[in-house]
C-alpha atoms as a PDB file:
ATOM      1  CA  MET A   1      37.727  34.606  15.633  1.00  0.00           C
ATOM      2  CA  PRO A   2      38.532  33.006  12.254  1.00  0.00           C
ATOM      3  CA  GLU A   3      40.293  35.179   9.690  1.00  0.00           C
ATOM      4  CA  ALA A   4      38.913  35.174   6.150  1.00  0.00           C
ATOM      5  CA  ARG A   5      41.055  34.007   3.239  1.00  0.00           C
ATOM      6  CA  ASN A   6      40.810  36.258   0.225  1.00  0.00           C
ATOM      7  CA  VAL A   7      41.654  33.563  -2.315  1.00  0.00           C
ATOM      8  CA  GLU A   8      38.791  31.153  -1.741  1.00  0.00           C
ATOM      9  CA  GLN A   9      35.059  31.753  -1.823  1.00  0.00           C
ATOM     10  CA  ALA A  10      32.240  29.495  -0.723  1.00  0.00           C
ATOM     11  CA  ARG A  11      29.004  29.256  -2.677  1.00  0.00           C
ATOM     12  CA  ALA A  12      26.036  29.509  -0.360  1.00  0.00           C
ATOM     13  CA  LEU A  13      22.287  30.035  -0.324  1.00  0.00           C
ATOM     14  CA  VAL A  14      21.098  32.736   2.050  1.00  0.00           C
ATOM     15  CA  LEU A  15      17.502  32.876   3.222  1.00  0.00           C
ATOM     16  CA  GLU A  16      16.984  36.638   3.212  1.00  0.00           C
ATOM     17  CA  LYS A  17      13.273  36.474   4.017  1.00  0.00           C
ATOM     18  CA  PRO A  18      10.498  33.894   3.543  1.00  0.00           C
ATOM     19  CA  ARG A  19      10.618  32.396   0.035  1.00  0.00           C
ATOM     20  CA  GLU A  20      13.721  34.364  -0.919  1.00  0.00           C
ATOM     21  CA  LEU A  21      16.752  32.084  -1.109  1.00  0.00           C
ATOM     22  CA  ALA A  22      19.593  34.064  -2.688  1.00  0.00           C
ATOM     23  CA  PRO A  23      22.964  32.746  -3.941  1.00  0.00           C
ATOM     24  CA  ARG A  24      25.974  34.374  -2.301  1.00  0.00           C
ATOM     25  CA  GLN A  25      29.750  34.113  -2.415  1.00  0.00           C
ATOM     26  CA  LEU A  26      31.350  34.245   1.027  1.00  0.00           C
ATOM     27  CA  PRO A  27      35.036  34.103   1.970  1.00  0.00           C
ATOM     28  CA  ILE A  28      36.166  30.791   3.425  1.00  0.00           C
ATOM     29  CA  PRO A  29      37.794  31.563   6.777  1.00  0.00           C
ATOM     30  CA  ASP A  30      40.882  29.973   8.237  1.00  0.00           C
ATOM     31  CA  ALA A  31      40.225  27.616  11.116  1.00  0.00           C
ATOM     32  CA  ALA A  32      40.679  29.115  14.562  1.00  0.00           C
ATOM     33  CA  ALA A  33      42.368  26.975  17.220  1.00  0.00           C
ATOM     34  CA  ASP A  34      38.982  25.759  18.478  1.00  0.00           C
ATOM     35  CA  GLY A  35      37.209  25.480  15.114  1.00  0.00           C
ATOM     36  CA  ALA A  36      37.264  23.842  11.692  1.00  0.00           C
ATOM     37  CA  VAL A  37      36.269  24.331   8.066  1.00  0.00           C
ATOM     38  CA  LEU A  38      34.075  21.623   6.565  1.00  0.00           C
ATOM     39  CA  ARG A  39      33.606  20.965   2.840  1.00  0.00           C
ATOM     40  CA  VAL A  40      29.933  20.084   2.649  1.00  0.00           C
ATOM     41  CA  GLU A  41      29.056  16.915   0.735  1.00  0.00           C
ATOM     42  CA  ALA A  42      25.404  16.504   1.719  1.00  0.00           C
ATOM     43  CA  CYS A  43      22.821  18.157   3.938  1.00  0.00           C
ATOM     44  CA  GLY A  44      19.621  16.356   4.869  1.00  0.00           C
ATOM     45  CA  LEU A  45      16.342  18.250   5.047  1.00  0.00           C
ATOM     46  CA  CYS A  46      13.453  17.962   7.478  1.00  0.00           C
ATOM     47  CA  GLY A  47      10.172  19.751   8.106  1.00  0.00           C
ATOM     48  CA  THR A  48      11.981  22.616   9.786  1.00  0.00           C
ATOM     49  CA  ASP A  49      13.709  23.455   6.500  1.00  0.00           C
ATOM     50  CA  HIS A  50      10.568  24.057   4.476  1.00  0.00           C
ATOM     51  CA  GLU A  51       8.875  25.774   7.433  1.00  0.00           C
ATOM     52  CA  LEU A  52      11.787  28.233   7.629  1.00  0.00           C
ATOM     53  CA  TYR A  53      11.680  28.722   3.865  1.00  0.00           C
ATOM     54  CA  THR A  54       7.930  29.425   3.704  1.00  0.00           C
ATOM     55  CA  GLY A  55       7.909  31.531   6.871  1.00  0.00           C
ATOM     56  CA  ALA A  56       5.693  29.094   8.808  1.00  0.00           C
ATOM     57  CA  LEU A  57       8.513  29.009  11.360  1.00  0.00           C
ATOM     58  CA  PRO A  58       9.561  32.650  11.829  1.00  0.00           C
ATOM     59  CA  LEU A  59      13.220  33.376  12.489  1.00  0.00           C
ATOM     60  CA  GLY A  60      15.447  36.411  12.192  1.00  0.00           C
ATOM     61  CA  PHE A  61      16.905  36.885   8.710  1.00  0.00           C
ATOM     62  CA  PRO A  62      19.259  36.525   6.866  1.00  0.00           C
ATOM     63  CA  PHE A  63      20.993  33.179   7.487  1.00  0.00           C
ATOM     64  CA  ILE A  64      22.256  30.068   5.676  1.00  0.00           C
ATOM     65  CA  PRO A  65      19.882  27.159   6.415  1.00  0.00           C
ATOM     66  CA  GLY A  66      20.819  23.499   6.753  1.00  0.00           C
ATOM     67  CA  HIS A  67      21.356  21.573   9.996  1.00  0.00           C
ATOM     68  CA  GLU A  68      21.879  17.897   9.015  1.00  0.00           C
ATOM     69  CA  THR A  69      25.331  18.208   7.493  1.00  0.00           C
ATOM     70  CA  VAL A  70      27.892  15.642   6.377  1.00  0.00           C
ATOM     71  CA  GLY A  71      31.233  16.629   4.893  1.00  0.00           C
ATOM     72  CA  VAL A  72      35.014  16.435   4.944  1.00  0.00           C
ATOM     73  CA  ILE A  73      37.273  18.406   7.285  1.00  0.00           C
ATOM     74  CA  GLU A  74      39.408  20.753   5.164  1.00  0.00           C
ATOM     75  CA  ALA A  75      41.099  22.672   7.976  1.00  0.00           C
ATOM     76  CA  ILE A  76      41.065  22.302  11.755  1.00  0.00           C
ATOM     77  CA  GLY A  77      42.635  24.050  14.734  1.00  0.00           C
ATOM     78  CA  ASP A  78      44.786  22.243  17.284  1.00  0.00           C
ATOM     79  CA  ASP A  79      42.272  22.575  20.116  1.00  0.00           C
ATOM     80  CA  ALA A  80      39.392  21.298  17.981  1.00  0.00           C
ATOM     81  CA  ARG A  81      41.509  18.407  16.703  1.00  0.00           C
ATOM     82  CA  ALA A  82      42.225  17.295  20.243  1.00  0.00           C
ATOM     83  CA  ALA A  83      38.659  17.786  21.502  1.00  0.00           C
ATOM     84  CA  TRP A  84      36.803  16.245  18.542  1.00  0.00           C
ATOM     85  CA  HIS A  85      39.299  13.447  17.712  1.00  0.00           C
ATOM     86  CA  VAL A  86      39.157  14.185  13.984  1.00  0.00           C
ATOM     87  CA  ASP A  87      41.622  15.591  11.487  1.00  0.00           C
ATOM     88  CA  VAL A  88      41.895  16.983   7.969  1.00  0.00           C
ATOM     89  CA  GLY A  89      40.425  14.529   5.462  1.00  0.00           C
ATOM     90  CA  ASP A  90      38.002  12.897   7.881  1.00  0.00           C
ATOM     91  CA  ARG A  91      34.374  12.624   6.788  1.00  0.00           C
ATOM     92  CA  VAL A  92      32.136  13.701   9.663  1.00  0.00           C
ATOM     93  CA  ALA A  93      28.493  14.248  10.516  1.00  0.00           C
ATOM     94  CA  VAL A  94      27.763  17.449  12.408  1.00  0.00           C
ATOM     95  CA  GLU A  95      25.299  17.498  15.286  1.00  0.00           C
ATOM     96  CA  PRO A  96      22.846  20.386  14.737  1.00  0.00           C
ATOM     97  CA  LEU A  97      22.945  21.677  18.314  1.00  0.00           C
ATOM     98  CA  LEU A  98      26.051  23.258  19.763  1.00  0.00           C
ATOM     99  CA  VAL A  99      26.762  22.796  23.462  1.00  0.00           C
ATOM    100  CA  ASN A 100      25.189  26.224  24.126  1.00  0.00           C
ATOM    101  CA  ARG A 101      21.939  24.925  22.503  1.00  0.00           C
ATOM    102  CA  GLU A 102      22.250  27.188  19.466  1.00  0.00           C
ATOM    103  CA  CYS A 103      21.450  25.395  16.221  1.00  0.00           C
ATOM    104  CA  TYR A 104      23.379  25.309  12.983  1.00  0.00           C
ATOM    105  CA  GLY A 105      21.289  26.349  10.000  1.00  0.00           C
ATOM    106  CA  MET A 106      19.622  29.082  12.071  1.00  0.00           C
ATOM    107  CA  LEU A 107      22.529  31.354  13.057  1.00  0.00           C
ATOM    108  CA  PRO A 108      22.679  34.921  11.698  1.00  0.00           C
ATOM    109  CA  LEU A 109      24.697  35.659   8.592  1.00  0.00           C
ATOM    110  CA  ASP A 110      26.354  38.666  10.206  1.00  0.00           C
ATOM    111  CA  ARG A 111      28.014  36.582  12.909  1.00  0.00           C
ATOM    112  CA  GLU A 112      31.726  36.104  12.127  1.00  0.00           C
ATOM    113  CA  SER A 113      32.151  33.815   9.088  1.00  0.00           C
ATOM    114  CA  GLY A 114      28.429  33.612   8.284  1.00  0.00           C
ATOM    115  CA  LEU A 115      28.959  30.031   7.053  1.00  0.00           C
ATOM    116  CA  TRP A 116      26.755  28.454   9.700  1.00  0.00           C
ATOM    117  CA  GLY A 117      24.562  26.173   7.581  1.00  0.00           C
ATOM    118  CA  GLY A 118      24.677  23.240   5.200  1.00  0.00           C
ATOM    119  CA  TYR A 119      23.237  25.024   2.145  1.00  0.00           C
ATOM    120  CA  ALA A 120      26.771  25.916   1.111  1.00  0.00           C
ATOM    121  CA  THR A 121      29.925  24.378  -0.287  1.00  0.00           C
ATOM    122  CA  HIS A 122      31.656  25.100   3.038  1.00  0.00           C
ATOM    123  CA  HIS A 123      30.506  25.237   6.656  1.00  0.00           C
ATOM    124  CA  TYR A 124      32.416  26.742   9.579  1.00  0.00           C
ATOM    125  CA  LEU A 125      32.408  24.658  12.761  1.00  0.00           C
ATOM    126  CA  ALA A 126      32.787  26.666  15.949  1.00  0.00           C
ATOM    127  CA  ALA A 127      33.879  25.753  19.453  1.00  0.00           C
ATOM    128  CA  GLY A 128      31.146  23.724  21.130  1.00  0.00           C
ATOM    129  CA  THR A 129      30.449  21.659  18.012  1.00  0.00           C
ATOM    130  CA  ARG A 130      30.010  17.896  18.285  1.00  0.00           C
ATOM    131  CA  VAL A 131      30.941  15.745  15.302  1.00  0.00           C
ATOM    132  CA  HIS A 132      30.908  12.021  14.515  1.00  0.00           C
ATOM    133  CA  LYS A 133      33.247  10.221  12.141  1.00  0.00           C
ATOM    134  CA  VAL A 134      31.263   8.700   9.300  1.00  0.00           C
ATOM    135  CA  PRO A 135      32.060   4.975   8.917  1.00  0.00           C
ATOM    136  CA  ALA A 136      34.306   4.181   5.950  1.00  0.00           C
ATOM    137  CA  GLY A 137      32.408   3.343   2.803  1.00  0.00           C
ATOM    138  CA  LEU A 138      29.140   4.976   3.851  1.00  0.00           C
ATOM    139  CA  ASP A 139      27.865   7.253   1.091  1.00  0.00           C
ATOM    140  CA  PRO A 140      27.557  10.866   2.345  1.00  0.00           C
ATOM    141  CA  VAL A 141      23.969  11.224   1.092  1.00  0.00           C
ATOM    142  CA  LEU A 142      22.942   8.075   2.949  1.00  0.00           C
ATOM    143  CA  ALA A 143      24.994   9.226   5.947  1.00  0.00           C
ATOM    144  CA  THR A 144      22.628  12.190   6.397  1.00  0.00           C
ATOM    145  CA  MET A 145      20.146   9.596   7.687  1.00  0.00           C
ATOM    146  CA  PHE A 146      22.128   9.797  10.948  1.00  0.00           C
ATOM    147  CA  ASN A 147      19.857  12.630  12.025  1.00  0.00           C
ATOM    148  CA  PRO A 148      16.357  11.148  11.564  1.00  0.00           C
ATOM    149  CA  LEU A 149      17.544   7.720  12.676  1.00  0.00           C
ATOM    150  CA  GLY A 150      19.097   9.200  15.804  1.00  0.00           C
ATOM    151  CA  ALA A 151      15.795  10.936  16.477  1.00  0.00           C
ATOM    152  CA  GLY A 152      13.906   7.654  16.133  1.00  0.00           C
ATOM    153  CA  ILE A 153      16.256   5.967  18.598  1.00  0.00           C
ATOM    154  CA  ARG A 154      15.967   8.685  21.212  1.00  0.00           C
ATOM    155  CA  TRP A 155      12.237   9.367  20.846  1.00  0.00           C
ATOM    156  CA  ALA A 156      11.020   5.776  20.535  1.00  0.00           C
ATOM    157  CA  VAL A 157      13.435   4.063  22.916  1.00  0.00           C
ATOM    158  CA  ASP A 158      15.507   6.302  25.178  1.00  0.00           C
ATOM    159  CA  VAL A 159      12.887   8.853  26.231  1.00  0.00           C
ATOM    160  CA  PRO A 160      10.071   6.348  26.974  1.00  0.00           C
ATOM    161  CA  GLN A 161      12.526   3.664  28.202  1.00  0.00           C
ATOM    162  CA  THR A 162      10.988   1.103  25.882  1.00  0.00           C
ATOM    163  CA  GLN A 163      11.446  -2.445  27.147  1.00  0.00           C
ATOM    164  CA  SER A 164      11.827  -5.738  25.320  1.00  0.00           C
ATOM    165  CA  GLY A 165       8.400  -7.225  24.667  1.00  0.00           C
ATOM    166  CA  ALA A 166       6.652  -3.853  24.502  1.00  0.00           C
ATOM    167  CA  VAL A 167       3.798  -2.975  22.171  1.00  0.00           C
ATOM    168  CA  VAL A 168       4.716   0.252  20.358  1.00  0.00           C
ATOM    169  CA  ALA A 169       2.545   2.495  18.188  1.00  0.00           C
ATOM    170  CA  VAL A 170       4.192   5.094  15.945  1.00  0.00           C
ATOM    171  CA  LEU A 171       2.051   7.922  14.555  1.00  0.00           C
ATOM    172  CA  GLY A 172       3.358   9.383  11.309  1.00  0.00           C
ATOM    173  CA  PRO A 173       5.050   7.405   8.485  1.00  0.00           C
ATOM    174  CA  GLY A 174       7.657   9.974   7.485  1.00  0.00           C
ATOM    175  CA  VAL A 175      11.377   9.288   7.691  1.00  0.00           C
ATOM    176  CA  ARG A 176      11.414   9.859  11.471  1.00  0.00           C
ATOM    177  CA  GLY A 177       8.402   7.603  11.932  1.00  0.00           C
ATOM    178  CA  LEU A 178      10.182   4.923   9.939  1.00  0.00           C
ATOM    179  CA  ALA A 179      13.250   5.444  12.114  1.00  0.00           C
ATOM    180  CA  ALA A 180      11.099   5.067  15.235  1.00  0.00           C
ATOM    181  CA  VAL A 181       9.800   1.729  13.923  1.00  0.00           C
ATOM    182  CA  VAL A 182      13.364   0.501  13.402  1.00  0.00           C
ATOM    183  CA  ALA A 183      14.431   1.726  16.841  1.00  0.00           C
ATOM    184  CA  ALA A 184      11.501   0.013  18.574  1.00  0.00           C
ATOM    185  CA  ARG A 185      12.202  -3.222  16.715  1.00  0.00           C
ATOM    186  CA  GLU A 186      15.890  -3.063  17.687  1.00  0.00           C
ATOM    187  CA  ALA A 187      14.886  -2.507  21.324  1.00  0.00           C
ATOM    188  CA  GLY A 188      13.035  -5.819  21.261  1.00  0.00           C
ATOM    189  CA  ALA A 189       9.468  -4.604  20.863  1.00  0.00           C
ATOM    190  CA  ALA A 190       7.066  -7.519  20.497  1.00  0.00           C
ATOM    191  CA  PHE A 191       4.701  -5.614  18.187  1.00  0.00           C
ATOM    192  CA  VAL A 192       5.084  -2.352  16.280  1.00  0.00           C
ATOM    193  CA  MET A 193       2.224  -0.463  14.665  1.00  0.00           C
ATOM    194  CA  ILE A 194       2.521   2.614  12.441  1.00  0.00           C
ATOM    195  CA  THR A 195      -0.258   4.966  11.317  1.00  0.00           C
ATOM    196  CA  GLY A 196      -0.670   7.344   8.410  1.00  0.00           C
ATOM    197  CA  ARG A 197      -3.441   9.142   6.582  1.00  0.00           C
ATOM    198  CA  GLY A 198      -4.782   8.781   3.064  1.00  0.00           C
ATOM    199  CA  GLU A 199      -3.279   8.386  -0.380  1.00  0.00           C
ATOM    200  CA  HIS A 200      -0.204  10.438   0.394  1.00  0.00           C
ATOM    201  CA  ASP A 201       0.883   8.048   3.143  1.00  0.00           C
ATOM    202  CA  ALA A 202      -0.110   4.762   1.457  1.00  0.00           C
ATOM    203  CA  PRO A 203       3.325   3.989  -0.080  1.00  0.00           C
ATOM    204  CA  ARG A 204       5.036   5.012   3.145  1.00  0.00           C
ATOM    205  CA  LEU A 205       2.887   2.661   5.194  1.00  0.00           C
ATOM    206  CA  GLU A 206       3.710  -0.156   2.792  1.00  0.00           C
ATOM    207  CA  LEU A 207       7.424   0.634   3.033  1.00  0.00           C
ATOM    208  CA  ALA A 208       7.254   0.560   6.828  1.00  0.00           C
ATOM    209  CA  ARG A 209       6.643  -3.187   6.726  1.00  0.00           C
ATOM    210  CA  ALA A 210      10.137  -3.689   5.292  1.00  0.00           C
ATOM    211  CA  PHE A 211      11.512  -1.813   8.299  1.00  0.00           C
ATOM    212  CA  GLY A 212       9.814  -3.937  10.931  1.00  0.00           C
ATOM    213  CA  ALA A 213       6.216  -2.700  11.261  1.00  0.00           C
ATOM    214  CA  ASP A 214       3.778  -5.507  12.096  1.00  0.00           C
ATOM    215  CA  LEU A 215       0.698  -3.380  11.369  1.00  0.00           C
ATOM    216  CA  ALA A 216       0.319  -0.356   9.100  1.00  0.00           C
ATOM    217  CA  CYS A 217      -2.964   1.510   9.590  1.00  0.00           C
ATOM    218  CA  ASP A 218      -4.526   4.226   7.419  1.00  0.00           C
ATOM    219  CA  VAL A 219      -6.579   6.250   9.920  1.00  0.00           C
ATOM    220  CA  GLU A 220      -8.865   7.456   7.104  1.00  0.00           C
ATOM    221  CA  VAL A 221      -9.927   3.850   6.539  1.00  0.00           C
ATOM    222  CA  ASP A 222      -9.612   2.117   9.920  1.00  0.00           C
ATOM    223  CA  ASP A 223      -9.936   3.059  13.571  1.00  0.00           C
ATOM    224  CA  PRO A 224      -6.336   2.684  14.831  1.00  0.00           C
ATOM    225  CA  VAL A 225      -7.429   1.872  18.387  1.00  0.00           C
ATOM    226  CA  ALA A 226      -9.717  -0.940  17.193  1.00  0.00           C
ATOM    227  CA  ALA A 227      -7.047  -2.200  14.787  1.00  0.00           C
ATOM    228  CA  LEU A 228      -4.426  -2.397  17.526  1.00  0.00           C
ATOM    229  CA  ARG A 229      -6.773  -4.093  19.992  1.00  0.00           C
ATOM    230  CA  LYS A 230      -7.751  -6.620  17.335  1.00  0.00           C
ATOM    231  CA  ALA A 231      -4.080  -7.387  16.673  1.00  0.00           C
ATOM    232  CA  VAL A 232      -2.747  -7.619  20.247  1.00  0.00           C
ATOM    233  CA  GLY A 233      -5.797  -7.507  22.513  1.00  0.00           C
ATOM    234  CA  ALA A 234      -4.720  -4.334  24.320  1.00  0.00           C
ATOM    235  CA  GLY A 235      -3.425  -0.803  23.911  1.00  0.00           C
ATOM    236  CA  ALA A 236       0.190   0.249  23.368  1.00  0.00           C
ATOM    237  CA  ASP A 237       2.809   0.354  26.093  1.00  0.00           C
ATOM    238  CA  VAL A 238       4.508   3.190  24.218  1.00  0.00           C
ATOM    239  CA  VAL A 239       3.004   5.603  21.678  1.00  0.00           C
ATOM    240  CA  VAL A 240       5.381   7.834  19.710  1.00  0.00           C
ATOM    241  CA  ASP A 241       3.739  10.770  17.915  1.00  0.00           C
ATOM    242  CA  VAL A 242       6.043  12.169  15.222  1.00  0.00           C
ATOM    243  CA  THR A 243       3.293  13.662  13.058  1.00  0.00           C
ATOM    244  CA  ALA A 244       3.595  17.195  11.713  1.00  0.00           C
ATOM    245  CA  LYS A 245       0.660  19.587  11.394  1.00  0.00           C
ATOM    246  CA  ALA A 246      -1.762  16.831  12.424  1.00  0.00           C
ATOM    247  CA  PRO A 247      -3.616  18.304  15.416  1.00  0.00           C
ATOM    248  CA  ALA A 248      -5.931  15.304  15.920  1.00  0.00           C
ATOM    249  CA  ALA A 249      -3.002  12.891  16.244  1.00  0.00           C
ATOM    250  CA  PHE A 250      -2.426  13.744  19.894  1.00  0.00           C
ATOM    251  CA  ALA A 251      -5.926  12.587  20.858  1.00  0.00           C
ATOM    252  CA  GLN A 252      -5.294   9.388  18.894  1.00  0.00           C
ATOM    253  CA  ALA A 253      -2.036   8.874  20.772  1.00  0.00           C
ATOM    254  CA  VAL A 254      -3.806   9.136  24.111  1.00  0.00           C
ATOM    255  CA  ALA A 255      -6.531   6.753  22.919  1.00  0.00           C
ATOM    256  CA  LEU A 256      -3.970   4.191  21.701  1.00  0.00           C
ATOM    257  CA  ALA A 257      -2.047   4.052  24.978  1.00  0.00           C
ATOM    258  CA  ARG A 258      -2.878   1.338  27.503  1.00  0.00           C
ATOM    259  CA  ARG A 259      -3.547   2.126  31.149  1.00  0.00           C
ATOM    260  CA  GLY A 260      -0.216   3.184  32.664  1.00  0.00           C
ATOM    261  CA  GLY A 261       1.338   3.613  29.218  1.00  0.00           C
ATOM    262  CA  THR A 262       3.671   6.288  27.907  1.00  0.00           C
ATOM    263  CA  VAL A 263       3.019   8.835  25.149  1.00  0.00           C
ATOM    264  CA  VAL A 264       6.008  10.611  23.593  1.00  0.00           C
ATOM    265  CA  VAL A 265       5.153  13.777  21.664  1.00  0.00           C
ATOM    266  CA  ALA A 266       7.868  14.765  19.183  1.00  0.00           C
ATOM    267  CA  GLY A 267       5.837  16.129  16.262  1.00  0.00           C
ATOM    268  CA  THR A 268       4.722  19.756  16.191  1.00  0.00           C
ATOM    269  CA  ARG A 269       1.206  20.991  15.379  1.00  0.00           C
ATOM    270  CA  GLY A 270       1.727  24.676  14.631  1.00  0.00           C
ATOM    271  CA  VAL A 271       1.143  27.745  16.773  1.00  0.00           C
ATOM    272  CA  GLY A 272      -2.331  28.103  18.274  1.00  0.00           C
ATOM    273  CA  VAL A 273      -3.719  24.923  16.723  1.00  0.00           C
ATOM    274  CA  GLY A 274      -4.593  22.923  19.845  1.00  0.00           C
ATOM    275  CA  ALA A 275      -5.511  19.234  19.969  1.00  0.00           C
ATOM    276  CA  PRO A 276      -8.995  18.487  18.591  1.00  0.00           C
ATOM    277  CA  GLY A 277     -10.688  15.548  20.285  1.00  0.00           C
ATOM    278  CA  PHE A 278      -8.304  15.470  23.247  1.00  0.00           C
ATOM    279  CA  GLU A 279      -9.986  14.920  26.592  1.00  0.00           C
ATOM    280  CA  PRO A 280      -7.588  15.505  29.508  1.00  0.00           C
ATOM    281  CA  ASP A 281      -9.580  13.180  31.767  1.00  0.00           C
ATOM    282  CA  HIS A 282      -8.241  10.218  29.773  1.00  0.00           C
ATOM    283  CA  VAL A 283      -4.753  11.070  31.003  1.00  0.00           C
ATOM    284  CA  VAL A 284      -6.055  10.862  34.567  1.00  0.00           C
ATOM    285  CA  TYR A 285      -8.123   7.701  34.176  1.00  0.00           C
ATOM    286  CA  LYS A 286      -5.341   5.862  32.363  1.00  0.00           C
ATOM    287  CA  GLU A 287      -2.561   7.285  34.581  1.00  0.00           C
ATOM    288  CA  LEU A 288      -0.525   8.054  31.478  1.00  0.00           C
ATOM    289  CA  ARG A 289       3.005   9.385  31.262  1.00  0.00           C
ATOM    290  CA  ILE A 290       3.154  12.095  28.590  1.00  0.00           C
ATOM    291  CA  LEU A 291       6.655  13.195  27.595  1.00  0.00           C
ATOM    292  CA  GLY A 292       7.873  15.785  25.136  1.00  0.00           C
ATOM    293  CA  ALA A 293      10.942  15.033  23.024  1.00  0.00           C
ATOM    294  CA  PHE A 294      13.112  17.601  21.288  1.00  0.00           C
ATOM    295  CA  GLY A 295      16.470  16.985  19.702  1.00  0.00           C
ATOM    296  CA  VAL A 296      18.889  14.079  19.792  1.00  0.00           C
ATOM    297  CA  ASP A 297      21.933  13.247  21.905  1.00  0.00           C
ATOM    298  CA  SER A 298      25.350  11.960  20.872  1.00  0.00           C
ATOM    299  CA  SER A 299      24.686   8.407  22.043  1.00  0.00           C
ATOM    300  CA  ALA A 300      21.662   8.089  19.761  1.00  0.00           C
ATOM    301  CA  TYR A 301      23.667   9.386  16.803  1.00  0.00           C
ATOM    302  CA  GLU A 302      26.404   6.822  17.411  1.00  0.00           C
ATOM    303  CA  ARG A 303      23.839   4.024  17.472  1.00  0.00           C
ATOM    304  CA  ALA A 304      22.295   5.442  14.303  1.00  0.00           C
ATOM    305  CA  PHE A 305      25.577   4.941  12.455  1.00  0.00           C
ATOM    306  CA  ASP A 306      25.816   1.390  13.771  1.00  0.00           C
ATOM    307  CA  LEU A 307      22.371   0.686  12.297  1.00  0.00           C
ATOM    308  CA  LEU A 308      23.159   2.393   8.990  1.00  0.00           C
ATOM    309  CA  THR A 309      26.208   0.196   8.496  1.00  0.00           C
ATOM    310  CA  SER A 310      24.650  -3.025   9.800  1.00  0.00           C
ATOM    311  CA  GLY A 311      22.839  -3.815   6.559  1.00  0.00           C
ATOM    312  CA  LYS A 312      19.776  -4.997   8.481  1.00  0.00           C
ATOM    313  CA  TYR A 313      17.405  -2.434   6.977  1.00  0.00           C
ATOM    314  CA  PRO A 314      17.116  -1.069   3.415  1.00  0.00           C
ATOM    315  CA  PHE A 315      17.858   2.570   4.230  1.00  0.00           C
ATOM    316  CA  ALA A 316      19.440   3.083   0.815  1.00  0.00           C
ATOM    317  CA  ASP A 317      16.112   2.179  -0.811  1.00  0.00           C
ATOM    318  CA  ILE A 318      14.074   4.880   0.927  1.00  0.00           C
ATOM    319  CA  PRO A 319      12.526   7.142  -1.744  1.00  0.00           C
ATOM    320  CA  ARG A 320      14.700  10.233  -1.715  1.00  0.00           C
ATOM    321  CA  ARG A 321      15.414  13.225  -3.861  1.00  0.00           C
ATOM    322  CA  VAL A 322      18.830  14.850  -4.067  1.00  0.00           C
ATOM    323  CA  ALA A 323      19.334  18.381  -5.401  1.00  0.00           C
ATOM    324  CA  ASP A 324      22.303  20.691  -5.789  1.00  0.00           C
ATOM    325  CA  LEU A 325      22.232  24.319  -4.636  1.00  0.00           C
ATOM    326  CA  ASP A 326      20.547  25.401  -7.864  1.00  0.00           C
ATOM    327  CA  GLY A 327      17.695  22.946  -7.284  1.00  0.00           C
ATOM    328  CA  ALA A 328      17.290  23.594  -3.550  1.00  0.00           C
ATOM    329  CA  GLU A 329      14.375  25.999  -3.823  1.00  0.00           C
ATOM    330  CA  ASP A 330      12.297  23.618  -5.935  1.00  0.00           C
ATOM    331  CA  LEU A 331      13.052  20.790  -3.498  1.00  0.00           C
ATOM    332  CA  LEU A 332      11.888  22.909  -0.557  1.00  0.00           C
ATOM    333  CA  LEU A 333       8.649  23.748  -2.359  1.00  0.00           C
ATOM    334  CA  THR A 334       8.108  20.045  -3.002  1.00  0.00           C
ATOM    335  CA  MET A 335       8.683  19.273   0.669  1.00  0.00           C
ATOM    336  CA  ALA A 336       6.153  21.951   1.567  1.00  0.00           C
ATOM    337  CA  GLY A 337       3.587  20.190  -0.644  1.00  0.00           C
ATOM    338  CA  GLU A 338       3.487  23.006  -3.199  1.00  0.00           C
ATOM    339  CA  ALA A 339       5.203  21.288  -6.126  1.00  0.00           C
ATOM    340  CA  GLY A 340       4.136  17.664  -6.242  1.00  0.00           C
ATOM    341  CA  PRO A 341       4.339  14.867  -3.697  1.00  0.00           C
ATOM    342  CA  PRO A 342       7.248  15.297  -1.272  1.00  0.00           C
ATOM    343  CA  PRO A 343       9.959  12.649  -1.075  1.00  0.00           C
ATOM    344  CA  MET A 344      10.387  10.663   2.117  1.00  0.00           C
ATOM    345  CA  HIS A 345      14.022  11.780   2.365  1.00  0.00           C
ATOM    346  CA  ALA A 346      15.368  14.970   0.818  1.00  0.00           C
ATOM    347  CA  VAL A 347      19.033  15.957   0.586  1.00  0.00           C
ATOM    348  CA  ILE A 348      20.966  18.930  -0.770  1.00  0.00           C
ATOM    349  CA  ALA A 349      24.401  18.017  -2.170  1.00  0.00           C
ATOM    350  CA  PRO A 350      26.285  21.267  -2.828  1.00  0.00           C
END
């Protein structure tokens, strides 16, 4: 167990209950043999963050949120150094899931150091952590894209085993949808379609073209199934649904898939919502493969860094908003749609 230093304190934000994010000072522990202390430079946000904040995703309180963390190793134990192949001074990205499937940014404050999330100046890394060295010269804020881009690679390529020449449809033009477009294009997809809904998604659909989308469809204006058939003469080999709180999207995914196609469901709808318009018989008649996708593996993260440093796609130009700890609450409200239009990519830089 790490021992706390009395001389240094970390600034952190503790989610004590829904909509109550309180500043705290916590002792920075020494690194145990199998652990490390990370100085946090940036922590990316996703839908889970604002759902935890608002209480839409209930979890035991209190805890320090933040699970897409990039920072510099300040102290590391001998066992961790040997296992993780990193040392003091290395900039690393931290995988959210530990080997025991617990998730950083959701661990209780009363467990040992309490510094288990990225909404803090320092983050303790325990045994079972997996880290990746950030390529030299990659800005830490941009480096937080490792998480959504890794998700796009796994969900759009690895899980459905997307082949070169495939027709791929991506539902949802958020940052993970954009990442799925890039991943499909890199896998050799012959045609990539992305869908969104209404005014909110219009600029995102336009941006998707710069990342490899051949067709961007607003489902409020056009029938996506008809639009895809008009473009390629058939349905999609692979449909990747990364929408959030869009219950009707699942039925659209099934409708977009060709006979014998694959539907990957990675977006969540919300508890007890169901899937309006979904007719299970279509799964039978089309002989579809429907796969759920949750989380990302180390291989996908490594490939994400290769893409980030390749210069092939304008990841740095994605509309993003960066806030410090003092501005975190306002940023979360914006992401939840309660304080203006949400940015495509949101980052806290302590």
